[in-house]
C-alpha atoms as a PDB file:
ATOM      1  CA  MET A   1      15.471 -12.610  63.397  1.00  0.00           C
ATOM      2  CA  ILE A   2      18.872 -11.346  62.199  1.00  0.00           C
ATOM      3  CA  GLY A   3      20.522 -12.936  65.224  1.00  0.00           C
ATOM      4  CA  PHE A   4      18.869 -16.250  64.394  1.00  0.00           C
ATOM      5  CA  ARG A   5      20.162 -16.076  60.794  1.00  0.00           C
ATOM      6  CA  ASN A   6      23.696 -15.409  62.084  1.00  0.00           C
ATOM      7  CA  TYR A   7      23.483 -18.463  64.336  1.00  0.00           C
ATOM      8  CA  ILE A   8      22.296 -20.615  61.432  1.00  0.00           C
ATOM      9  CA  SER A   9      25.007 -19.359  59.053  1.00  0.00           C
ATOM     10  CA  GLN A  10      27.686 -19.827  61.735  1.00  0.00           C
ATOM     11  CA  GLY A  11      26.329 -23.292  62.483  1.00  0.00           C
ATOM     12  CA  LEU A  12      26.405 -24.213  58.799  1.00  0.00           C
ATOM     13  CA  LEU A  13      29.942 -22.843  58.485  1.00  0.00           C
ATOM     14  CA  ILE A  14      31.107 -24.825  61.508  1.00  0.00           C
ATOM     15  CA  GLY A  15      29.349 -27.923  60.180  1.00  0.00           C
ATOM     16  CA  TYR A  16      31.002 -27.472  56.784  1.00  0.00           C
ATOM     17  CA  ILE A  17      34.442 -27.043  58.386  1.00  0.00           C
ATOM     18  CA  PHE A  18      33.846 -30.106  60.573  1.00  0.00           C
ATOM     19  CA  PHE A  19      32.801 -32.075  57.488  1.00  0.00           C
ATOM     20  CA  LEU A  20      35.955 -31.049  55.595  1.00  0.00           C
ATOM     21  CA  VAL A  21      38.279 -31.790  58.504  1.00  0.00           C
ATOM     22  CA  PHE A  22      36.667 -35.115  59.340  1.00  0.00           C
ATOM     23  CA  PHE A  23      36.367 -36.529  55.831  1.00  0.00           C
ATOM     24  CA  CYS A  24      39.463 -35.029  54.263  1.00  0.00           C
ATOM     25  CA  SER A  25      41.712 -36.196  57.071  1.00  0.00           C
ATOM     26  CA  SER A  26      40.745 -39.783  56.297  1.00  0.00           C
ATOM     27  CA  PHE A  27      42.245 -39.417  52.799  1.00  0.00           C
ATOM     28  CA  LYS A  28      45.917 -39.552  53.596  1.00  0.00           C
ATOM     29  CA  ILE A  29      48.153 -38.265  50.876  1.00  0.00           C
ATOM     30  CA  PHE A  30      51.403 -40.161  50.651  1.00  0.00           C
ATOM     31  CA  ALA A  31      54.081 -40.182  48.034  1.00  0.00           C
ATOM     32  CA  ASP A  32      54.359 -43.591  46.460  1.00  0.00           C
ATOM     33  CA  GLU A  33      56.587 -45.616  48.700  1.00  0.00           C
ATOM     34  CA  ILE A  34      59.316 -47.216  46.666  1.00  0.00           C
ATOM     35  CA  GLU A  35      59.464 -50.967  46.915  1.00  0.00           C
ATOM     36  CA  TRP A  36      63.160 -51.709  46.520  1.00  0.00           C
ATOM     37  CA  LEU A  37      64.153 -55.079  45.111  1.00  0.00           C
ATOM     38  CA  GLU A  38      67.504 -56.458  46.224  1.00  0.00           C
ATOM     39  CA  VAL A  39      69.389 -57.511  43.116  1.00  0.00           C
ATOM     40  CA  SER A  40      72.935 -57.893  44.350  1.00  0.00           C
ATOM     41  CA  LYS A  41      74.702 -58.437  47.645  1.00  0.00           C
ATOM     42  CA  THR A  42      78.251 -58.840  48.921  1.00  0.00           C
ATOM     43  CA  ASN A  43      79.503 -59.074  52.501  1.00  0.00           C
ATOM     44  CA  ASN A  44      79.531 -55.311  52.986  1.00  0.00           C
ATOM     45  CA  GLU A  45      77.330 -53.907  50.185  1.00  0.00           C
ATOM     46  CA  LEU A  46      73.793 -54.181  48.857  1.00  0.00           C
ATOM     47  CA  LEU A  47      72.335 -52.932  45.618  1.00  0.00           C
ATOM     48  CA  TYR A  48      68.607 -52.478  45.143  1.00  0.00           C
ATOM     49  CA  ILE A  49      66.557 -51.389  42.164  1.00  0.00           C
ATOM     50  CA  ASN A  50      63.116 -49.890  41.904  1.00  0.00           C
ATOM     51  CA  PRO A  51      61.422 -52.295  39.447  1.00  0.00           C
ATOM     52  CA  LYS A  52      58.742 -49.695  38.651  1.00  0.00           C
ATOM     53  CA  SER A  53      61.434 -47.312  37.383  1.00  0.00           C
ATOM     54  CA  ILE A  54      62.769 -49.626  34.661  1.00  0.00           C
ATOM     55  CA  LYS A  55      62.504 -47.933  31.264  1.00  0.00           C
ATOM     56  CA  TYR A  56      63.932 -48.519  27.835  1.00  0.00           C
ATOM     57  CA  ASN A  57      64.811 -45.627  25.550  1.00  0.00           C
ATOM     58  CA  ASN A  58      64.645 -45.592  21.758  1.00  0.00           C
ATOM     59  CA  LYS A  59      68.277 -46.772  21.529  1.00  0.00           C
ATOM     60  CA  GLY A  60      67.502 -49.924  23.513  1.00  0.00           C
ATOM     61  CA  PHE A  61      69.251 -48.831  26.698  1.00  0.00           C
ATOM     62  CA  LEU A  62      67.678 -49.602  30.024  1.00  0.00           C
ATOM     63  CA  SER A  63      67.470 -47.084  32.840  1.00  0.00           C
ATOM     64  CA  VAL A  64      66.627 -47.919  36.423  1.00  0.00           C
ATOM     65  CA  ILE A  65      66.690 -46.106  39.737  1.00  0.00           C
ATOM     66  CA  ALA A  66      69.061 -48.002  41.998  1.00  0.00           C
ATOM     67  CA  LYS A  67      70.141 -47.651  45.596  1.00  0.00           C
ATOM     68  CA  HIS A  68      73.561 -48.588  46.915  1.00  0.00           C
ATOM     69  CA  SER A  69      73.871 -49.414  50.605  1.00  0.00           C
ATOM     70  CA  ASP A  70      77.020 -50.016  52.604  1.00  0.00           C
ATOM     71  CA  ILE A  71      76.743 -52.466  55.484  1.00  0.00           C
ATOM     72  CA  ASP A  72      78.625 -52.123  58.762  1.00  0.00           C
ATOM     73  CA  PRO A  73      80.479 -55.452  59.071  1.00  0.00           C
ATOM     74  CA  ASP A  74      80.331 -55.382  62.873  1.00  0.00           C
ATOM     75  CA  ASN A  75      76.617 -55.037  63.502  1.00  0.00           C
ATOM     76  CA  LYS A  76      75.267 -55.679  59.958  1.00  0.00           C
ATOM     77  CA  SER A  77      73.390 -52.352  59.911  1.00  0.00           C
ATOM     78  CA  VAL A  78      73.010 -50.168  56.845  1.00  0.00           C
ATOM     79  CA  ILE A  79      75.424 -47.239  56.943  1.00  0.00           C
ATOM     80  CA  ASN A  80      74.116 -45.200  54.013  1.00  0.00           C
ATOM     81  CA  ASN A  81      71.713 -45.326  51.110  1.00  0.00           C
ATOM     82  CA  GLU A  82      72.679 -43.614  47.890  1.00  0.00           C
ATOM     83  CA  PRO A  83      69.959 -43.549  45.214  1.00  0.00           C
ATOM     84  CA  PHE A  84      71.177 -43.022  41.661  1.00  0.00           C
ATOM     85  CA  LEU A  85      70.136 -43.541  38.066  1.00  0.00           C
ATOM     86  CA  MET A  86      71.801 -46.424  36.334  1.00  0.00           C
ATOM     87  CA  ALA A  87      71.909 -46.659  32.548  1.00  0.00           C
ATOM     88  CA  ILE A  88      72.532 -50.168  31.260  1.00  0.00           C
ATOM     89  CA  ASP A  89      73.468 -51.427  27.828  1.00  0.00           C
ATOM     90  CA  CYS A  90      72.089 -54.965  28.251  1.00  0.00           C
ATOM     91  CA  GLU A  91      73.477 -56.223  24.952  1.00  0.00           C
ATOM     92  CA  ASN A  92      77.089 -55.325  25.779  1.00  0.00           C
ATOM     93  CA  ARG A  93      76.759 -55.595  29.596  1.00  0.00           C
ATOM     94  CA  LEU A  94      77.973 -52.015  30.145  1.00  0.00           C
ATOM     95  CA  PHE A  95      76.695 -49.402  32.588  1.00  0.00           C
ATOM     96  CA  SER A  96      76.846 -45.744  33.493  1.00  0.00           C
ATOM     97  CA  LYS A  97      75.853 -44.060  36.763  1.00  0.00           C
ATOM     98  CA  PHE A  98      74.201 -40.654  37.199  1.00  0.00           C
ATOM     99  CA  PRO A  99      72.471 -38.655  39.926  1.00  0.00           C
ATOM    100  CA  ALA A 100      68.907 -39.888  40.483  1.00  0.00           C
ATOM    101  CA  ASN A 101      67.346 -36.964  38.593  1.00  0.00           C
ATOM    102  CA  ALA A 102      69.594 -37.180  35.499  1.00  0.00           C
ATOM    103  CA  ASP A 103      68.584 -38.026  31.933  1.00  0.00           C
ATOM    104  CA  LEU A 104      69.847 -40.930  29.818  1.00  0.00           C
ATOM    105  CA  LYS A 105      70.692 -38.513  27.018  1.00  0.00           C
ATOM    106  CA  GLN A 106      73.751 -37.622  29.075  1.00  0.00           C
ATOM    107  CA  VAL A 107      75.393 -41.045  28.601  1.00  0.00           C
ATOM    108  CA  LYS A 108      78.773 -40.340  27.093  1.00  0.00           C
ATOM    109  CA  ASN A 109      80.979 -43.053  28.564  1.00  0.00           C
ATOM    110  CA  TRP A 110      80.019 -46.621  29.293  1.00  0.00           C
ATOM    111  CA  GLU A 111      81.882 -48.589  31.940  1.00  0.00           C
ATOM    112  CA  ASN A 112      82.676 -52.283  31.986  1.00  0.00           C
ATOM    113  CA  PRO A 113      82.022 -53.827  35.426  1.00  0.00           C
ATOM    114  CA  ILE A 114      85.146 -55.975  35.207  1.00  0.00           C
ATOM    115  CA  ASN A 115      85.956 -56.166  38.923  1.00  0.00           C
ATOM    116  CA  ASN A 116      82.617 -55.124  40.363  1.00  0.00           C
ATOM    117  CA  LYS A 117      80.576 -58.201  41.270  1.00  0.00           C
ATOM    118  CA  LEU A 118      77.770 -56.043  42.658  1.00  0.00           C
ATOM    119  CA  ILE A 119      77.263 -54.155  39.391  1.00  0.00           C
ATOM    120  CA  LYS A 120      77.632 -57.310  37.267  1.00  0.00           C
ATOM    121  CA  LYS A 121      74.813 -59.023  39.173  1.00  0.00           C
ATOM    122  CA  THR A 122      72.690 -55.873  38.978  1.00  0.00           C
ATOM    123  CA  ILE A 123      73.090 -55.713  35.208  1.00  0.00           C
ATOM    124  CA  VAL A 124      72.173 -59.369  34.763  1.00  0.00           C
ATOM    125  CA  ASN A 125      69.186 -59.155  37.114  1.00  0.00           C
ATOM    126  CA  SER A 126      67.927 -55.856  35.683  1.00  0.00           C
ATOM    127  CA  CYS A 127      68.230 -56.955  32.072  1.00  0.00           C
ATOM    128  CA  SER A 128      66.364 -60.186  32.751  1.00  0.00           C
ATOM    129  CA  SER A 129      63.392 -58.361  34.335  1.00  0.00           C
END
């Protein structure tokens, strides 16, 4: 009788483990995949933003996670991808760049994208979103 109870408890345990493995494996846990939106392009550079990351702070500044990519001119492949946080003053068309995990409170100096066509387009496209 005790042997029969052991078989039943082991069978239930195996069934429970099988149930967990079978059903839990069907629920794949993925980090949200970022859907990058191309906002600016030159012959050898691309700039993308994550539209879901666009936020405004209480001072009216926009922040967005952006990704800069260099393009190999020979084979048109992407050489690198650098994600970063971009703070934008839409009213004055100024920007500031930070590491991706930075905070907008750190904005001390704003830059004017005078000779940077890529950043100018990014500011216009981000502010119009």
